[in-house]
């Protein structure tokens, strides 16, 4: 029959697995690191998976497909258990393949976070004279909320296209920076999409990936936060070169932090 059904663009799929988690019918699974429609008759055509896909890899198409079969879907308790949901023991007894994982690497699943709105000045910390008490039991202590607005944050893991990039103020930071600068969340992360990396430890040139992010998304501004150590120059160079290569003209700045937690003027 001719009906509306999802289509997954394998080129755009970043393997985050969020669509597989969002599909209540079990129509989508991760195969070879990519989201795959297992069977047409599992897909009800309602599109719960669409808003979960930050990469824009899922669309609706109208084509010849088997009708939706509610009785057959894995989520139905009365449905026959399909091979890809069989237990490892049963699969071994039947000589079947090991079932694929239901999702990709949890650490690379792209998603938007919801940091709380800032409430006045940051917490001043533990009162003087009480520094030997555990921080969360000291009188007057209040936790400082995270300002992180998306996940993942590692440059190597982040997709080059995601919904949270639209109109974003982009922060590219050395991964040591948040440890060196105590007010990093309020001063730098708040209101930005945050990407972190270390060119020395990662051993890669971030220029190409940052160029794609800047070129393919409506980025409003770019802030680079690096440490004063020489190896951090690779991060600054990659970000500034990416901005030039993208052909975009957006406000940008580089902030350098000292190892003792100050901003280098």
Protein backbone atom coordinates (compact mmCIF):
# COMPACT_ATOMS: atom_id res chain seq x y z
CA UNK A 1 0.00 0.00 0.00
CA UNK A 2 1.05 3.62 -0.56
CA UNK A 3 1.53 5.33 2.79
CA UNK A 4 3.62 7.81 4.80
CA UNK A 5 6.70 6.29 6.40
CA UNK A 6 10.06 7.49 7.70
CA UNK A 7 13.25 7.65 5.64
CA UNK A 8 16.70 7.69 7.30
CA UNK A 9 19.51 9.42 5.41
CA UNK A 10 22.55 7.28 6.20
CA UNK A 11 24.92 10.06 5.17
CA UNK A 12 23.47 12.50 7.69
CA UNK A 13 23.04 9.99 10.52
CA UNK A 14 25.69 10.54 13.22
CA UNK A 15 24.93 7.33 15.10
CA UNK A 16 23.67 9.03 18.27
CA UNK A 17 20.86 6.49 18.76
CA UNK A 18 18.28 9.00 20.02
CA UNK A 19 15.78 8.06 17.32
CA UNK A 20 15.97 4.39 18.32
CA UNK A 21 15.22 5.37 21.93
CA UNK A 22 12.32 7.59 20.84
CA UNK A 23 10.66 4.94 18.67
CA UNK A 24 8.12 3.18 20.89
CA UNK A 25 7.45 0.55 18.24
CA UNK A 26 11.05 -0.66 18.01
CA UNK A 27 11.08 0.10 14.29
CA UNK A 28 14.57 1.65 14.44
CA UNK A 29 17.79 0.02 15.60
CA UNK A 30 21.48 0.86 15.30
CA UNK A 31 23.13 -1.32 12.66
CA UNK A 32 26.78 -0.74 11.88
CA UNK A 33 26.70 2.51 13.85
CA UNK A 34 23.80 3.95 11.82
CA UNK A 35 20.07 4.19 12.50
CA UNK A 36 18.16 1.69 10.37
CA UNK A 37 14.45 1.07 9.80
CA UNK A 38 14.11 -2.63 10.64
CA UNK A 39 10.70 -3.34 9.10
CA UNK A 40 8.11 -1.21 7.37
CA UNK A 41 5.25 -2.80 9.30
CA UNK A 42 6.79 -1.68 12.62
CA UNK A 43 6.61 2.02 11.64
CA UNK A 44 3.30 3.67 12.51
CA UNK A 45 4.14 6.81 10.53
CA UNK A 46 3.52 9.16 13.48
CA UNK A 47 7.13 10.36 13.58
CA UNK A 48 8.06 10.30 17.28
CA UNK A 49 11.63 9.84 16.07
CA UNK A 50 11.77 13.07 14.02
CA UNK A 51 12.22 15.63 16.83
CA UNK A 52 14.81 13.36 18.48
CA UNK A 53 17.13 13.55 15.46
CA UNK A 54 19.43 16.55 15.89
CA UNK A 55 21.24 15.73 12.64
CA UNK A 56 18.11 16.10 10.49
CA UNK A 57 18.63 12.62 9.06
CA UNK A 58 14.98 11.51 9.35
CA UNK A 59 12.19 12.70 7.05
CA UNK A 60 8.78 11.47 5.95
CA UNK A 61 8.31 9.97 2.49
CA UNK A 62 5.28 8.50 0.80
CA UNK A 63 6.01 5.14 -0.81
CA UNK A 64 4.84 1.58 -1.19
CA UNK A 65 5.19 -0.06 2.24
CA UNK A 66 3.60 -2.82 4.26
CA UNK A 67 0.79 -1.49 6.47
CA UNK A 68 1.54 -0.81 10.12
CA UNK A 69 1.02 -4.02 12.10
CA UNK A 70 0.52 -3.17 15.77
CA UNK A 71 0.35 -6.85 16.75
CA UNK A 72 3.81 -7.49 15.29
CA UNK A 73 5.80 -4.65 16.85
CA UNK A 74 8.31 -5.54 19.58
CA UNK A 75 6.62 -3.15 22.01
CA UNK A 76 3.43 -5.19 21.98
CA UNK A 77 3.53 -7.79 24.79
CA UNK A 78 1.49 -10.19 22.64
CA UNK A 79 3.79 -9.91 19.65
CA UNK A 80 6.09 -12.80 18.70
CA UNK A 81 9.60 -12.01 19.85
CA UNK A 82 11.72 -11.13 16.78
CA UNK A 83 15.25 -12.43 16.35
CA UNK A 84 16.96 -9.10 17.05
CA UNK A 85 15.33 -9.05 20.52
CA UNK A 86 16.23 -12.63 21.43
CA UNK A 87 18.32 -13.19 24.51
CA UNK A 88 22.03 -13.97 23.92
CA UNK A 89 21.50 -17.48 25.29
CA UNK A 90 18.54 -18.17 23.05
CA UNK A 91 20.36 -16.69 20.08
CA UNK A 92 23.31 -18.95 20.72
CA UNK A 93 21.09 -22.02 20.95
CA UNK A 94 19.36 -21.13 17.72
CA UNK A 95 22.62 -20.29 15.96
CA UNK A 96 21.46 -16.69 15.41
CA UNK A 97 23.70 -13.66 15.29
CA UNK A 98 24.38 -11.65 18.42
CA UNK A 99 21.62 -8.99 18.61
CA UNK A 100 22.75 -5.44 17.81
CA UNK A 101 22.93 -2.85 20.55
CA UNK A 102 19.74 -0.76 20.77
CA UNK A 103 21.65 2.51 20.51
CA UNK A 104 25.02 4.06 19.77
CA UNK A 105 27.63 5.24 22.24
CA UNK A 106 25.79 7.06 25.08
CA UNK A 107 28.60 9.59 25.29
CA UNK A 108 28.00 10.81 21.75
CA UNK A 109 24.19 11.12 21.84
CA UNK A 110 23.42 14.68 20.77
CA UNK A 111 20.86 16.37 22.98
CA UNK A 112 19.88 19.77 24.29
CA UNK A 113 20.14 20.44 28.02
CA UNK A 114 18.13 22.96 30.03
CA UNK A 115 20.37 24.92 32.39
CA UNK A 116 18.46 26.97 34.99
CA UNK A 117 18.17 30.71 34.58
CA UNK A 118 20.87 32.59 36.52
CA UNK A 119 19.74 33.80 39.95
CA UNK A 120 21.76 36.88 40.91
CA UNK A 121 25.42 36.69 41.88
CA UNK A 122 27.29 33.40 41.95
CA UNK A 123 27.58 31.51 45.21
CA UNK A 124 30.43 33.05 47.22
CA UNK A 125 31.52 29.62 48.46
CA UNK A 126 32.06 28.28 51.92
CA UNK A 127 32.12 30.93 54.69
CA UNK A 128 35.57 31.74 56.14
CA UNK A 129 36.62 29.53 59.04
CA UNK A 130 34.58 26.56 57.82
CA UNK A 131 36.89 25.33 55.08
CA UNK A 132 37.48 22.00 56.81
CA UNK A 133 33.80 21.07 56.61
CA UNK A 134 32.49 19.16 53.60
CA UNK A 135 31.27 21.80 51.17
CA UNK A 136 27.71 20.51 50.94
CA UNK A 137 27.22 20.59 54.73
CA UNK A 138 28.79 23.99 55.48
CA UNK A 139 26.28 26.62 56.70
CA UNK A 140 25.32 29.02 53.92
CA UNK A 141 26.42 26.69 51.14
CA UNK A 142 24.34 26.72 47.96
CA UNK A 143 25.20 24.61 44.91
CA UNK A 144 26.16 26.45 41.74
CA UNK A 145 24.01 25.15 38.88
CA UNK A 146 25.55 23.99 35.62
CA UNK A 147 25.11 26.32 32.65
CA UNK A 148 25.87 23.66 30.04
CA UNK A 149 23.23 23.81 27.34
CA UNK A 150 23.97 20.78 25.13
CA UNK A 151 25.68 17.42 24.90
CA UNK A 152 28.19 16.18 23.79
CA UNK A 153 30.87 18.81 24.34
CA UNK A 154 34.01 17.14 22.99
CA UNK A 155 34.89 18.51 19.54
CA UNK A 156 35.64 14.98 18.36
CA UNK A 157 32.14 13.77 19.33
CA UNK A 158 29.88 16.72 18.54
CA UNK A 159 27.90 16.53 15.26
CA UNK A 160 28.60 19.20 12.66
CA UNK A 161 24.89 19.92 12.32
CA UNK A 162 22.46 20.02 15.24
CA UNK A 163 19.36 22.01 16.15
CA UNK A 164 21.14 23.72 19.05
CA UNK A 165 23.61 25.40 16.63
CA UNK A 166 20.86 27.59 15.14
CA UNK A 167 21.56 31.17 16.21
CA UNK A 168 24.14 29.98 18.75
CA UNK A 169 26.97 31.84 20.39
CA UNK A 170 29.78 29.31 20.05
CA UNK A 171 32.40 28.67 22.73
CA UNK A 172 35.50 26.70 21.77
CA UNK A 173 37.51 26.05 24.93
CA UNK A 174 40.53 24.13 26.09
CA UNK A 175 39.39 21.28 28.29
CA UNK A 176 41.72 22.46 31.09
CA UNK A 177 40.12 25.89 31.17
CA UNK A 178 37.12 25.01 33.35
CA UNK A 179 39.46 23.57 35.99
CA UNK A 180 41.72 26.60 36.02
CA UNK A 181 39.03 29.30 36.07
CA UNK A 182 36.60 28.90 38.97
CA UNK A 183 33.77 30.99 37.50
CA UNK A 184 33.94 29.32 34.11
CA UNK A 185 30.26 28.33 33.85
CA UNK A 186 28.89 31.79 34.62
CA UNK A 187 31.58 33.74 32.78
CA UNK A 188 31.94 31.66 29.62
CA UNK A 189 29.48 28.74 29.25
CA UNK A 190 26.23 30.52 30.10
CA UNK A 191 24.19 31.18 26.98
CA UNK A 192 26.62 29.44 24.64
CA UNK A 193 27.04 26.15 22.83
CA UNK A 194 30.23 24.72 24.31
CA UNK A 195 32.87 22.70 22.49
CA UNK A 196 36.03 21.56 24.26
CA UNK A 197 39.21 19.85 23.18
CA UNK A 198 42.95 19.49 23.60
CA UNK A 199 44.96 19.36 20.36
CA UNK A 200 47.94 17.86 22.19
CA UNK A 201 46.05 14.94 23.78
CA UNK A 202 43.58 14.36 20.94
CA UNK A 203 46.38 14.52 18.37
CA UNK A 204 44.06 15.93 15.68
CA UNK A 205 43.59 19.16 13.80
CA UNK A 206 40.12 20.52 14.61
CA UNK A 207 40.16 22.99 11.70
CA UNK A 208 38.05 20.99 9.24
CA UNK A 209 35.32 20.07 11.72
CA UNK A 210 35.08 23.58 13.14
CA UNK A 211 34.94 24.94 9.57
CA UNK A 212 31.94 22.70 8.82
CA UNK A 213 30.18 23.79 12.01
CA UNK A 214 30.71 27.48 11.28
CA UNK A 215 29.90 27.19 7.57
CA UNK A 216 26.78 25.04 7.86
CA UNK A 217 25.07 26.71 10.83
CA UNK A 218 23.89 30.20 11.74
CA UNK A 219 26.50 30.93 14.40
CA UNK A 220 26.15 34.42 15.93
CA UNK A 221 29.56 34.74 17.61
CA UNK A 222 32.72 32.78 18.38
CA UNK A 223 34.64 32.84 21.67
CA UNK A 224 37.87 30.89 22.06
CA UNK A 225 39.12 30.25 25.59
CA UNK A 226 42.62 28.79 25.79
CA UNK A 227 45.29 28.32 28.40
CA UNK A 228 48.55 30.26 28.35
CA UNK A 229 50.58 27.09 27.65
CA UNK A 230 52.02 26.88 24.10
CA UNK A 231 50.20 23.69 23.09
CA UNK A 232 46.89 25.54 23.42
CA UNK A 233 47.94 27.64 20.45
CA UNK A 234 46.75 24.77 18.26
CA UNK A 235 43.20 25.23 19.50
CA UNK A 236 43.25 28.97 18.82
CA UNK A 237 44.79 28.46 15.39
CA UNK A 238 42.19 25.84 14.43
CA UNK A 239 39.26 28.02 15.49
CA UNK A 240 40.51 31.22 13.86
CA UNK A 241 41.46 29.39 10.65
CA UNK A 242 38.07 27.68 10.59
CA UNK A 243 36.35 31.04 10.83
CA UNK A 244 38.34 32.36 7.89
CA UNK A 245 37.70 29.20 5.85
CA UNK A 246 33.98 29.32 6.55
CA UNK A 247 33.59 32.62 4.72
CA UNK A 248 31.48 33.97 7.59
CA UNK A 249 31.91 37.41 9.14
CA UNK A 250 30.89 37.09 12.78
CA UNK A 251 32.19 38.68 16.00
CA UNK A 252 34.98 36.65 17.60
CA UNK A 253 37.42 36.90 20.48
CA UNK A 254 40.22 34.90 22.09
CA UNK A 255 40.52 34.79 25.89
CA UNK A 256 43.72 33.40 27.42
CA UNK A 257 43.74 32.02 30.96
CA UNK A 258 46.76 31.65 33.21
CA UNK A 259 47.43 28.35 34.95
CA UNK A 260 46.69 29.98 38.31
CA UNK A 261 43.16 30.90 37.24
CA UNK A 262 43.32 34.48 35.96
CA UNK A 263 42.48 36.09 32.65
CA UNK A 264 45.64 37.17 30.85
CA UNK A 265 45.22 40.79 29.82
